[in-house]
Amino acid sequence: MASFQVEGGNRLAGEIFPQGAKNEALQIISAVLLTSETVHLYNVPNIRDVNKLIELLIDFGVVVEKTSEDSYKFTASRVDLDFLETQTFREKASSLRGSIMLLGPLLARFGVGKMPKPGGDKIGRRRVDTHFVGFEKLGASFQYDGQAGFYTVIGPKLKGAYMLLDEASVTGTANIVMAAVMAQGDTEIYNAACEPYLQQLCGMLVRMGAIIEGIGSNLLKITGVTSLRGTYHTMLPDMIEIGSFIGLAAMTQSEITIKNARIDQLGLIPETFMKMGIQMEFRNDDIYIPAQDRYEIESYIDGSILTISDAIWPGFTPDLISIALVTAIQAKGNVMIHQKMFESRLFFVDKLIDMGAQIILCDPHRATVIGLNRTFALRAISMTTPDIRAGVALLIAAMSAEGISTIHNIEQIDRGYQQIDQRLNKIGANIVRIE
């Protein structure tokens, strides 16, 4: 298990480029299975989860060629479905949450999909019912072996259907869309997710020959086609990493420019951090964050404390709740953090409390942060990260603390952040990786 040793108290200065979007990449890479022609992908993040998914495709027989540091060619002309029956498939797929995104493409093109219960972050229940209910609406049969934790969907002749999703699941919507684009007839998906990454997927599928209307709305209309062709696609910059850099700059009193941020695709992320008192300037497509000695959280008009809560797009993304929480520690003022979607995501706050943060964990979903206003610095401790986003929140806390902190289980951070230690060290951080 690898660790970071983090020397706190260093102010950062310089430019940083966000990686390609992790959550988009997992959907887009899975979609290459929909065609026998070559798909060219750009701005692919070099992170653990994405690399494991690419390895899984190679095991299926997909020809993968790395054409540059962040670009690939995928050709799925010969896919070995027998690999689904192997123990190797079960072991590799179960270690990766994103592996479930392979089901829709496999079902659409080959009429069958199998998957072990996926792994991923330990942040509470993350049900996948929406995926399979959608597949069943399209005419597939579904089986679940509870003892083995193994899902099977079979649908050699999918047919379009109307469906109202019980939740606007991003991965569920993406999986259903990928299955529906080659189903016979018309499909309508209401209460569909409409995140930028889902819009990116739909745009790529349209360039491949799919017929999709309503992209960007919560009602998608799809007319099935018999086959799809190859295409070119570039990933958006990762909005979660951009939000993480904003919080990092504030907590460490650093002057940072986030380059090529695709500000038009960030939704409420900049505005939410501005409500916490963080100054920023939009310079073309860059976000400039000046060094701030102090920042003050806004209150509502009636004087009540600000609540930051997660919501489906265009609301504030749940993946940045941990970052907002840690950023509030050194602010002036108080804030209620309300994590609605996952009941275990706030449990890492005990480590922040050990560092000296004033946080009241009200219940599994809510925490009140009483800002320290820099009356004293956090103290360095040794800690273990439970998931990707908590890991970076703890890294931000450690970088703002006095002394040298140790963060264990940084493989979790590597799942979602590309060489984060090296990139931050280039602009003034002092992070040592210990293998």
Protein backbone atom coordinates (compact mmCIF):
# COMPACT_ATOMS: atom_id res chain seq x y z
CA MET A 1 0.00 0.00 0.00
CA ALA A 2 1.52 3.31 -1.11
CA SER A 3 1.48 6.52 0.95
CA PHE A 4 2.03 10.26 0.60
CA GLN A 5 4.21 12.23 2.99
CA VAL A 6 2.95 15.80 2.76
CA GLU A 7 4.80 18.83 4.11
CA GLY A 8 2.18 21.46 4.86
CA GLY A 9 2.44 25.22 4.85
CA ASN A 10 3.74 25.69 1.29
CA ARG A 11 2.07 28.28 -0.90
CA LEU A 12 1.69 27.19 -4.51
CA ALA A 13 2.03 29.43 -7.56
CA GLY A 14 1.71 28.73 -11.26
CA GLU A 15 -0.40 27.12 -13.93
CA ILE A 16 -1.97 23.68 -13.84
CA PHE A 17 -3.81 21.82 -16.59
CA PRO A 18 -6.75 19.62 -15.59
CA GLN A 19 -6.71 16.02 -16.78
CA GLY A 20 -9.35 14.49 -19.03
CA ALA A 21 -12.62 13.71 -17.28
CA LYS A 22 -12.57 10.38 -15.44
CA ASN A 23 -16.34 9.83 -15.41
CA GLU A 24 -16.65 10.66 -19.10
CA ALA A 25 -13.73 8.43 -20.05
CA LEU A 26 -15.26 5.33 -18.44
CA GLN A 27 -18.42 5.76 -20.55
CA ILE A 28 -16.66 6.72 -23.78
CA ILE A 29 -14.11 3.89 -23.63
CA SER A 30 -16.89 1.37 -23.04
CA ALA A 31 -18.73 2.71 -26.10
CA VAL A 32 -15.94 1.58 -28.46
CA LEU A 33 -17.49 -1.91 -28.21
CA LEU A 34 -20.49 -0.65 -30.21
CA THR A 35 -18.63 -0.67 -33.52
CA SER A 36 -16.16 -2.83 -35.41
CA GLU A 37 -14.52 0.30 -36.82
CA THR A 38 -11.70 2.30 -35.23
CA VAL A 39 -12.50 4.92 -32.59
CA HIS A 40 -9.91 7.62 -31.85
CA LEU A 41 -9.98 9.09 -28.32
CA TYR A 42 -8.09 12.15 -27.05
CA ASN A 43 -7.40 13.71 -23.64
CA VAL A 44 -7.73 10.31 -21.97
CA PRO A 45 -6.66 10.57 -18.31
CA ASN A 46 -3.79 8.35 -17.18
CA ILE A 47 -5.45 7.12 -13.98
CA ARG A 48 -5.87 3.73 -12.37
CA ASP A 49 -9.58 3.21 -13.14
CA VAL A 50 -9.26 4.17 -16.80
CA ASN A 51 -6.15 2.05 -17.30
CA LYS A 52 -7.85 -0.98 -15.74
CA LEU A 53 -10.84 -0.56 -18.08
CA ILE A 54 -8.51 -0.39 -21.09
CA GLU A 55 -6.77 -3.56 -19.89
CA LEU A 56 -10.17 -5.24 -19.67
CA LEU A 57 -10.96 -4.31 -23.28
CA ILE A 58 -7.61 -5.71 -24.39
CA ASP A 59 -8.52 -8.98 -22.66
CA PHE A 60 -11.74 -8.99 -24.71
CA GLY A 61 -9.65 -8.86 -27.88
CA VAL A 62 -10.01 -5.15 -28.64
CA VAL A 63 -6.95 -3.83 -30.46
CA VAL A 64 -5.67 -0.81 -28.53
CA GLU A 65 -2.93 1.48 -29.78
CA LYS A 66 -1.57 4.37 -27.74
CA THR A 67 -0.87 7.15 -30.23
CA SER A 68 0.38 9.84 -27.83
CA GLU A 69 0.62 10.55 -24.11
CA ASP A 70 -3.17 10.94 -23.81
CA SER A 71 -4.53 9.52 -27.08
CA TYR A 72 -5.62 6.03 -28.14
CA LYS A 73 -7.08 4.10 -31.05
CA PHE A 74 -9.56 1.30 -30.27
CA THR A 75 -10.69 -1.30 -32.80
CA ALA A 76 -13.25 -3.81 -31.54
CA SER A 77 -13.60 -5.82 -34.75
CA ARG A 78 -13.04 -9.13 -32.97
CA VAL A 79 -14.53 -9.37 -29.50
CA ASP A 80 -14.06 -12.62 -27.56
CA LEU A 81 -17.32 -13.18 -25.69
CA ASP A 82 -15.89 -16.35 -24.14
CA PHE A 83 -13.82 -14.05 -21.91
CA LEU A 84 -17.06 -13.31 -20.02
CA GLU A 85 -16.98 -16.86 -18.66
CA THR A 86 -13.46 -16.71 -17.24
CA GLN A 87 -12.33 -16.22 -13.66
CA THR A 88 -9.94 -13.53 -14.89
CA PHE A 89 -12.88 -11.48 -16.15
CA ARG A 90 -14.70 -11.83 -12.83
CA GLU A 91 -11.67 -10.75 -10.83
CA LYS A 92 -10.76 -7.77 -13.01
CA ALA A 93 -14.29 -6.50 -13.59
CA SER A 94 -15.25 -6.78 -9.91
CA SER A 95 -12.35 -4.51 -8.92
CA LEU A 96 -13.60 -1.65 -11.07
CA ARG A 97 -16.83 0.29 -10.63
CA GLY A 98 -16.73 1.50 -14.24
CA SER A 99 -16.81 -2.02 -15.64
CA ILE A 100 -20.61 -1.97 -15.44
CA MET A 101 -20.58 0.48 -18.37
CA LEU A 102 -19.61 -2.42 -20.66
CA LEU A 103 -23.05 -4.03 -20.28
CA GLY A 104 -24.98 -1.65 -22.56
CA PRO A 105 -22.56 -1.91 -25.50
CA LEU A 106 -22.25 -5.70 -25.16
CA LEU A 107 -26.02 -6.10 -25.04
CA ALA A 108 -26.58 -3.78 -28.02
CA ARG A 109 -24.03 -5.35 -30.35
CA PHE A 110 -23.88 -8.98 -29.21
CA GLY A 111 -27.18 -9.56 -27.40
CA VAL A 112 -25.59 -10.61 -24.12
CA GLY A 113 -23.83 -8.98 -21.21
CA LYS A 114 -22.43 -10.40 -17.99
CA MET A 115 -20.83 -8.66 -15.05
CA PRO A 116 -19.78 -9.37 -11.46
CA LYS A 117 -20.91 -6.97 -8.79
CA PRO A 118 -18.67 -3.94 -9.40
CA GLY A 119 -16.22 -2.53 -6.89
CA GLY A 120 -15.26 1.11 -6.37
CA ASP A 121 -15.49 3.58 -3.52
CA LYS A 122 -16.81 2.53 -0.12
CA ILE A 123 -19.27 5.39 0.24
CA GLY A 124 -22.45 3.50 1.05
CA ARG A 125 -25.05 1.78 -1.09
CA ARG A 126 -24.72 2.38 -4.82
CA ARG A 127 -27.53 0.45 -6.38
CA VAL A 128 -27.53 -0.51 -10.06
CA ASP A 129 -31.23 -1.36 -10.43
CA THR A 130 -31.81 1.50 -12.89
CA HIS A 131 -29.43 -0.10 -15.41
CA PHE A 132 -31.18 -3.45 -15.44
CA VAL A 133 -34.75 -2.13 -15.30
CA GLY A 134 -33.88 -0.11 -18.40
CA PHE A 135 -32.47 -3.17 -20.16
CA GLU A 136 -35.62 -5.12 -19.32
CA LYS A 137 -37.77 -2.33 -20.76
CA LEU A 138 -35.85 -2.84 -24.01
CA GLY A 139 -36.75 -6.53 -23.98
CA ALA A 140 -33.73 -8.11 -22.33
CA SER A 141 -34.05 -10.82 -19.71
CA PHE A 142 -32.20 -10.31 -16.44
CA GLN A 143 -30.77 -12.78 -13.96
CA TYR A 144 -28.85 -12.15 -10.75
CA ASP A 145 -26.91 -14.80 -8.89
CA GLY A 146 -26.89 -13.38 -5.38
CA GLN A 147 -24.51 -15.99 -4.02
CA ALA A 148 -21.89 -15.34 -6.68
CA GLY A 149 -22.75 -11.64 -7.05
CA PHE A 150 -23.06 -11.99 -10.83
CA TYR A 151 -25.41 -10.23 -13.28
CA THR A 152 -26.53 -11.60 -16.65
CA VAL A 153 -28.61 -9.81 -19.30
CA ILE A 154 -29.67 -11.47 -22.55
CA GLY A 155 -31.44 -9.65 -25.35
CA PRO A 156 -30.67 -10.73 -28.90
CA LYS A 157 -33.48 -8.56 -30.33
CA LEU A 158 -33.85 -5.39 -28.32
CA LYS A 159 -36.87 -3.22 -29.09
CA GLY A 160 -37.40 0.46 -28.38
CA ALA A 161 -39.64 1.41 -25.47
CA TYR A 162 -40.79 4.30 -23.31
CA MET A 163 -39.33 4.40 -19.83
CA LEU A 164 -39.46 6.75 -16.86
CA LEU A 165 -36.29 6.26 -14.83
CA ASP A 166 -36.77 6.01 -11.07
CA GLU A 167 -33.59 8.06 -10.60
CA ALA A 168 -31.61 10.29 -12.94
CA SER A 169 -28.58 8.03 -12.72
CA VAL A 170 -25.70 9.17 -14.94
CA THR A 171 -24.23 5.71 -15.43
CA GLY A 172 -27.70 4.15 -15.66
CA THR A 173 -28.76 6.62 -18.37
CA ALA A 174 -25.51 6.11 -20.27
CA ASN A 175 -25.83 2.32 -20.18
CA ILE A 176 -29.44 2.41 -21.36
CA VAL A 177 -28.62 4.89 -24.14
CA MET A 178 -25.81 2.67 -25.42
CA ALA A 179 -28.16 -0.32 -25.47
CA ALA A 180 -31.00 1.62 -27.11
CA VAL A 181 -29.06 3.14 -30.02
CA MET A 182 -29.10 -0.24 -31.81
CA ALA A 183 -32.52 -1.44 -30.62
CA GLN A 184 -35.30 -1.80 -33.17
CA GLY A 185 -37.68 1.17 -33.21
CA ASP A 186 -37.95 4.23 -30.99
CA THR A 187 -36.94 4.65 -27.34
CA GLU A 188 -37.89 7.50 -25.02
CA ILE A 189 -36.01 7.92 -21.75
CA TYR A 190 -37.65 10.37 -19.33
CA ASN A 191 -35.93 11.61 -16.17
CA ALA A 192 -32.66 10.96 -17.98
CA ALA A 193 -29.43 12.36 -16.57
CA CYS A 194 -28.18 15.37 -18.51
CA GLU A 195 -24.67 15.91 -17.11
CA PRO A 196 -22.04 17.24 -19.57
CA TYR A 197 -20.40 13.81 -19.66
CA LEU A 198 -23.68 12.21 -20.75
CA GLN A 199 -24.05 14.94 -23.38
CA GLN A 200 -20.53 14.13 -24.58
CA LEU A 201 -21.40 10.44 -24.89
CA CYS A 202 -24.56 11.20 -26.85
CA GLY A 203 -22.68 13.57 -29.14
CA MET A 204 -20.09 10.88 -29.86
CA LEU A 205 -22.80 8.29 -30.57
CA VAL A 206 -24.48 10.70 -33.02
CA ARG A 207 -21.18 11.11 -34.88
CA MET A 208 -21.04 7.30 -35.02
CA GLY A 209 -24.44 7.26 -36.73
CA ALA A 210 -26.88 7.06 -33.82
CA ILE A 211 -30.09 9.10 -33.89
CA ILE A 212 -30.63 10.89 -30.56
CA GLU A 213 -32.82 13.91 -29.87
CA GLY A 214 -33.07 15.98 -26.69
CA ILE A 215 -29.38 15.88 -25.77
CA GLY A 216 -28.85 18.05 -22.69
CA SER A 217 -32.45 17.63 -21.51
CA ASN A 218 -34.05 15.02 -19.26
CA LEU A 219 -36.03 13.53 -22.16
CA LEU A 220 -34.01 11.60 -24.71
CA LYS A 221 -35.58 10.23 -27.89
CA ILE A 222 -33.62 7.54 -29.70
CA THR A 223 -34.31 5.88 -33.03
CA GLY A 224 -32.42 2.61 -33.32
CA VAL A 225 -29.96 1.95 -36.13
CA THR A 226 -28.49 -1.35 -37.33
CA SER A 227 -24.81 -0.44 -36.99
CA LEU A 228 -22.44 2.31 -35.91
CA ARG A 229 -19.20 3.55 -37.44
CA GLY A 230 -15.90 4.76 -36.03
CA THR A 231 -15.28 8.34 -34.94
CA TYR A 232 -13.01 10.84 -33.18
CA HIS A 233 -13.71 12.14 -29.69
CA THR A 234 -11.99 14.45 -27.18
CA MET A 235 -12.75 14.26 -23.44
CA LEU A 236 -13.74 17.34 -21.47
CA PRO A 237 -11.40 18.50 -18.69
CA ASP A 238 -12.33 16.89 -15.38
CA MET A 239 -14.72 19.21 -13.52
CA ILE A 240 -14.02 17.40 -10.24
CA GLU A 241 -10.31 18.08 -10.53
CA ILE A 242 -11.00 21.72 -11.40
CA GLY A 243 -13.16 22.10 -8.28
CA SER A 244 -10.45 20.38 -6.24
CA PHE A 245 -7.85 22.88 -7.46
CA ILE A 246 -10.13 25.80 -6.52
CA GLY A 247 -10.49 24.48 -2.96
CA LEU A 248 -6.77 23.70 -2.77
CA ALA A 249 -5.83 27.25 -3.78
CA ALA A 250 -8.04 28.75 -1.07
CA MET A 251 -6.89 26.44 1.73
CA THR A 252 -3.17 26.88 0.96
CA GLN A 253 -3.40 30.65 0.21
CA SER A 254 -2.01 29.95 -3.26
CA GLU A 255 -2.10 31.79 -6.58
CA ILE A 256 -3.11 29.28 -9.25
CA THR A 257 -4.30 29.48 -12.84
CA ILE A 258 -6.36 26.50 -13.99
CA LYS A 259 -5.82 26.31 -17.75
CA ASN A 260 -8.38 25.34 -20.42
CA ALA A 261 -11.11 24.68 -17.88
CA ARG A 262 -14.12 24.64 -20.24
CA ILE A 263 -15.89 27.09 -17.96
CA ASP A 264 -19.08 26.74 -20.00
CA GLN A 265 -19.38 23.12 -18.84
CA LEU A 266 -18.79 23.65 -15.09
CA GLY A 267 -22.35 24.51 -14.08
CA LEU A 268 -22.63 25.74 -10.48
CA ILE A 269 -19.13 24.71 -9.43
CA PRO A 270 -17.45 28.16 -9.66
CA GLU A 271 -20.49 29.92 -8.17
CA THR A 272 -20.62 27.52 -5.21
CA PHE A 273 -17.00 28.18 -4.31
CA MET A 274 -17.57 31.92 -4.77
CA LYS A 275 -20.32 31.68 -2.12
CA MET A 276 -17.61 30.40 0.19
CA GLY A 277 -15.71 33.63 -0.37
CA ILE A 278 -13.15 32.34 -2.86
CA GLN A 279 -12.14 34.95 -5.42
CA MET A 280 -11.59 33.94 -9.03
CA GLU A 281 -11.37 35.53 -12.44
CA PHE A 282 -12.34 34.01 -15.77
CA ARG A 283 -9.61 34.81 -18.28
CA ASN A 284 -10.86 33.46 -21.61
CA ASP A 285 -11.15 29.77 -20.71
CA ASP A 286 -8.75 29.88 -17.76
CA ILE A 287 -9.68 30.31 -14.08
CA TYR A 288 -7.30 32.58 -12.16
CA ILE A 289 -7.42 32.24 -8.36
CA PRO A 290 -5.45 34.91 -6.47
CA ALA A 291 -3.76 34.21 -3.15
CA GLN A 292 -6.20 35.04 -0.34
CA ASP A 293 -5.21 35.42 3.28
CA ARG A 294 -8.87 35.03 4.26
CA TYR A 295 -12.20 34.15 2.67
CA GLU A 296 -15.66 34.52 4.17
CA ILE A 297 -18.68 32.26 3.65
CA GLU A 298 -21.84 34.05 2.60
CA SER A 299 -25.05 33.83 4.60
CA TYR A 300 -28.55 33.75 3.20
CA ILE A 301 -30.54 37.01 3.00
CA ASP A 302 -32.30 36.26 6.31
CA GLY A 303 -28.97 35.65 8.03
CA SER A 304 -29.19 31.86 8.22
CA ILE A 305 -26.07 29.83 7.47
CA LEU A 306 -25.28 28.70 3.95
CA THR A 307 -26.14 25.11 2.98
CA ILE A 308 -24.12 23.38 0.26
CA SER A 309 -25.84 20.24 -0.96
CA ASP A 310 -25.38 17.90 -3.89
CA ALA A 311 -27.97 17.47 -6.62
CA ILE A 312 -28.38 16.07 -10.10
CA TRP A 313 -27.14 18.29 -12.93
CA PRO A 314 -27.17 21.24 -13.15
CA GLY A 315 -26.92 21.14 -9.35
CA PHE A 316 -23.65 20.87 -7.44
CA THR A 317 -21.97 17.54 -8.14
CA PRO A 318 -21.74 15.08 -5.21
CA ASP A 319 -18.12 14.35 -6.09
CA LEU A 320 -17.14 17.83 -4.85
CA ILE A 321 -18.96 17.74 -1.52
CA SER A 322 -15.83 16.47 0.25
CA ILE A 323 -13.78 19.28 -1.30
CA ALA A 324 -16.30 21.96 -0.29
CA LEU A 325 -16.29 20.61 3.27
CA VAL A 326 -12.52 20.71 3.69
CA THR A 327 -12.30 24.15 2.06
CA ALA A 328 -14.72 25.55 4.66
CA ILE A 329 -12.40 24.60 7.53
CA GLN A 330 -10.28 27.76 7.28
CA ALA A 331 -13.04 30.11 6.12
CA LYS A 332 -14.66 32.82 8.18
CA GLY A 333 -18.22 31.75 8.95
CA ASN A 334 -20.16 28.51 9.08
CA VAL A 335 -21.70 26.20 6.52
CA MET A 336 -23.95 23.16 6.49
CA ILE A 337 -22.70 20.44 4.14
CA HIS A 338 -25.53 18.14 3.03
CA GLN A 339 -24.49 15.01 1.15
CA LYS A 340 -27.80 13.56 -0.01
CA MET A 341 -26.77 10.74 -2.31
CA PHE A 342 -24.34 8.59 -0.30
CA GLU A 343 -24.65 7.81 3.38
CA SER A 344 -20.97 7.06 4.08
CA ARG A 345 -19.19 9.83 2.21
CA LEU A 346 -18.83 12.16 5.20
CA PHE A 347 -17.33 9.62 7.57
CA PHE A 348 -13.79 10.80 6.77
CA VAL A 349 -14.39 13.98 8.82
CA ASP A 350 -13.09 12.24 11.96
CA LYS A 351 -9.61 12.62 10.47
CA LEU A 352 -10.16 16.33 9.89
CA ILE A 353 -11.35 16.71 13.49
CA ASP A 354 -8.15 15.00 14.64
CA MET A 355 -6.27 17.68 12.67
CA GLY A 356 -8.07 20.41 14.60
CA ALA A 357 -11.03 21.19 12.35
CA GLN A 358 -14.27 22.24 14.03
CA ILE A 359 -16.87 20.00 12.41
CA ILE A 360 -20.08 18.58 13.83
CA LEU A 361 -21.18 15.41 12.05
CA CYS A 362 -24.94 15.68 12.49
CA ASP A 363 -25.79 12.35 10.83
CA PRO A 364 -24.44 10.27 7.91
CA HIS A 365 -25.60 12.93 5.44
CA ARG A 366 -24.97 16.28 7.14
CA ALA A 367 -22.03 18.06 8.71
CA THR A 368 -21.72 21.59 10.06
CA VAL A 369 -18.32 23.23 9.57
CA ILE A 370 -17.39 26.07 11.92
CA GLY A 371 -14.74 28.02 10.06
CA LEU A 372 -11.47 28.67 11.87
CA ASN A 373 -10.76 31.92 9.96
CA ARG A 374 -7.06 30.99 10.15
CA THR A 375 -6.91 31.56 13.91
CA PHE A 376 -4.69 28.47 13.94
CA ALA A 377 -3.41 25.97 11.38
CA LEU A 378 -4.43 22.34 11.19
CA ARG A 379 -1.93 19.92 12.71
CA ALA A 380 -0.25 17.11 10.81
CA ILE A 381 -1.38 13.53 11.46
CA SER A 382 -1.21 10.07 9.91
CA MET A 383 -4.42 8.96 8.19
CA THR A 384 -5.89 6.52 5.67
CA THR A 385 -8.16 7.55 2.84
CA PRO A 386 -11.40 5.58 2.30
CA ASP A 387 -12.23 6.79 -1.24
CA ILE A 388 -11.07 8.96 -4.14
CA ARG A 389 -12.69 12.26 -3.21
CA ALA A 390 -12.02 11.99 0.53
CA GLY A 391 -8.40 11.23 -0.38
CA VAL A 392 -7.94 14.53 -2.19
CA ALA A 393 -9.83 16.39 0.55
CA LEU A 394 -7.37 14.94 3.08
CA LEU A 395 -4.48 15.87 0.78
CA ILE A 396 -5.73 19.47 0.71
CA ALA A 397 -6.00 19.48 4.50
CA ALA A 398 -2.47 18.09 4.84
CA MET A 399 -1.06 20.70 2.45
CA SER A 400 -2.54 23.46 4.62
CA ALA A 401 -1.43 21.94 7.95
CA GLU A 402 1.67 22.55 10.07
CA GLY A 403 4.18 19.73 9.87
CA ILE A 404 4.38 16.54 7.84
CA SER A 405 1.28 14.39 7.41
CA THR A 406 1.10 10.84 6.06
CA ILE A 407 -1.78 9.65 3.91
CA HIS A 408 -2.05 5.89 3.38
CA ASN A 409 -3.98 3.94 0.73
CA ILE A 410 -3.28 6.55 -1.93
CA GLU A 411 -4.16 3.97 -4.59
CA GLN A 412 -7.65 5.39 -4.07
CA ILE A 413 -6.42 8.85 -5.11
CA ASP A 414 -4.62 7.34 -8.11
CA ARG A 415 -7.92 5.91 -9.29
CA GLY A 416 -9.17 9.39 -10.12
CA TYR A 417 -6.29 11.89 -10.17
CA GLN A 418 -3.45 11.69 -12.66
CA GLN A 419 0.02 11.92 -11.06
CA ILE A 420 -1.39 14.47 -8.63
CA ASP A 421 1.77 14.57 -6.52
CA GLN A 422 4.07 15.32 -9.47
CA ARG A 423 1.78 18.00 -10.90
CA LEU A 424 1.35 19.82 -7.59
CA ASN A 425 5.05 19.57 -6.76
CA LYS A 426 5.82 21.45 -9.99
CA ILE A 427 3.99 24.51 -8.63
CA GLY A 428 5.39 24.44 -5.12
CA ALA A 429 3.95 21.53 -3.14
CA ASN A 430 6.14 19.10 -1.20
CA ILE A 431 4.56 15.65 -1.59
CA VAL A 432 6.67 12.51 -1.40
CA ARG A 433 5.28 9.19 -2.67
CA ILE A 434 6.35 6.16 -0.64
CA GLU A 435 5.75 2.82 -2.35
